[in-house]
């Protein structure tokens, strides 16, 4: 018995001695390691820098006028907004800070700017029950009959009988019909859709195939679908914005009109589009179908419609998107747009080693091949053009360019369809989609009347 106990104690001592020896060996190796020779002073990462726009909004919230003035002198836009579209003027109206409202307006802040939900500073002040702010905004020229994305005027969301009475009196004095104001955008879209139907008996191909909002990529179909304007959609499709447009005209996030109708719970629009074989399985650039951007009753309805719908055939696009006219776009006309710009063709880059950009290394093999072929063709084109001034027998630049376009039409098509998506910032917080904003959204498909893109008040 005693012998067994002594053996156990001996084993325990041996184990402890072995553990100590191993630990000493570990410490020796650590002492000689490169890691141990590194400095123990941890290098801090670079200081976090905030965009000046956010600093400006913070300065306005804290009423730091010296900082505000400095930022404005540096070129910060006084109408800059946060992710919800709220400007400093919106926030000061919510905070009932009359002095800052006066200060910002005296600095030329936009009094009728709208956030992502279409709310103006007047909407904000009225909904918060801030009568003094409401009075001051109206005295400075705030438009009383602007509708938000839900078709609501400031008076519709006003808090307090005194504010409602004041707004009613202001509208009466100005001769404003509140119901007519609520229906303004709808009636405007009906008018121009009807004009397009009358002027384009052969479809939209006789004017613009489609017009796209320059900020959001939304077409008239997107806006009408999001707002529930069934009569407008019917007119647009009859005018030529056919099923091909319904499925293939997407906004900057890849949303089809069916996505828009699903997200904003427009059941009549969903039924109408699905009955005309709008593709319920169409995916936006985040891989979401219309089923993924809705819930509740809308989701159940869409599932029922999908079960009844025959398989949808994907047809090729024959709709050409056009953006709203803007000075910035006009100034950047491509040198390939007009024959009068032939003298600028020598500005075409001449790559010494035609190859695809490293940023596109994750492209599909087919796209990579097309890109390589296109770059080689560009390289050949630029070299051939450089000889035109020396050899009179060389084809003219126009001939070269036409040949290039014909030979590379397939590559150019893929570029237009694929490369335009690279670098796109997908803001998929869908509650903040802004093309339903009446003053920011497309409201017409008539190229000949650009005034109707935005309501001039």
Foldseek 3Di string as FASTA:
>chain_A
DVVVVVVVVVVVVVVVVVVVVVVVVVVVVCVVDPVVVDDPDDDDDDDDDDDLQVVLLVCLVVVVVVSNVVSVVVPHDQLDDDLQQDGSLLVCLLVLPVVSNVVSVVVVHDQQGQTLQQDGSLLNNQLNQNQVNNVVSVVVPHDQQGATLLLDTSLRNGDDPVNNVVSVVVCVVVVHDNVCSSCVLLVLLLVQLQVLQVVQVPAPPVPALWEAEPPWQDTQLLLCLLSLSPSSNVSNCSSHCHLLVQAPRAILQQDGSLLNNLLNVNLVSNVVNVVRPHDQCRQTPVGDGSLRNHDDPSNVSNVVSVVPGDDHDNDDDPHDYHYQDDPVVVVCDDCVPDPVSLVVLLVQDQDPDQADDPVCVVPDPVLRVLSSVLSVLSNVLNVLQVCVVPDVPRDRNVVSVVVSCVVNVVNVVVCVVPVVSPPRDNPPPVVSRRQSNQQRHARHRDPVCSCSRGPDD
